[in-house]
Amino acid sequence: MTTRERSYEIRVEGHLDDHWSAWLGGLDMTRDDDGATTVFVQVADQAQLHGVLTGLRDIGAVISELRTRDAPVPIRRSVLERPLHTERLILRPATGEDADPTWRLRRLEPVEEWLTGCPADLDGYRARFSEPGRLATTVIVALGQDAAAPIIGDFRLDVAVQARDTRAELGCVLDPAYAGHGYAAEAVRELLRYCFRDLGVRRVTASCLVDDDRARSLLERVGMRPGTVGYAVLEEDWSPA
């Protein structure tokens, strides 16, 4: 951080979905146990801060607190209490060393096509991947049963405590070279088991783009059903009424 930049924490009522992080320019967010969301911002001037605040208001977020942040963000514990083993896979907590292999996955055209909000360069991706909130919710999927098992994907598992229950949100990236062998379904089923049986989660959600037939098929194959429908538009597709 340069001497001119300042860090802020913006508290927002309710839990924001991860896709709003990308919409706001890739900001790091954590869902807090009290039902709020903390958005972490690093800006060079007040105009940039005002832009973030305006963006939050534009999506209907209710800002409850804004404060400067002089200390580092506390390191969050991984959502995985331990590595999980299936018949063919290891699911383990992510570390900073996993940034490069997961970046290579995102550079593959069949993967990149369906991603939103991914930094355009490796350094930017390393920085975002290593953020405490990101590491805590990233699960590495490796093929095999030992420490040298090759990484074939990474999943996101974000658990949030609501007023009446505990819910989790799931996302996944899989190397297309390993598609068609049931690895993704095997990993998702184990994470669902972990959520419901070990963590006491009541509801698990996942989202994908409407045109992503492979992701939709995967989610339905493991027993998930469509819920609310979200919409989006690209700048190049938009035209004023």
Foldseek 3Di string as FASTA:
>chain_A
DDPQKFKKKWKWAADDDPVVCLVLQNWDWAQDQVGIIITMDIDRDVVNVVSSVVSCVVVVIDTDDMDTDPDADDADAAPDPAWDDDPWKIKGQDALVCLVVQVVLCVDVVQVVFDTNQDPDSVVSSVSCHRRRNRRFKIWIFTHDDPPGHTFWIKGWHWYQDPVFIEIEIDIGGRPVPPPPCSVLRVVLVVVCCCCPVVVHDYYYYDGDPPPVVVVVSCVVNPDDDDDDDDDDDPVRDDDD
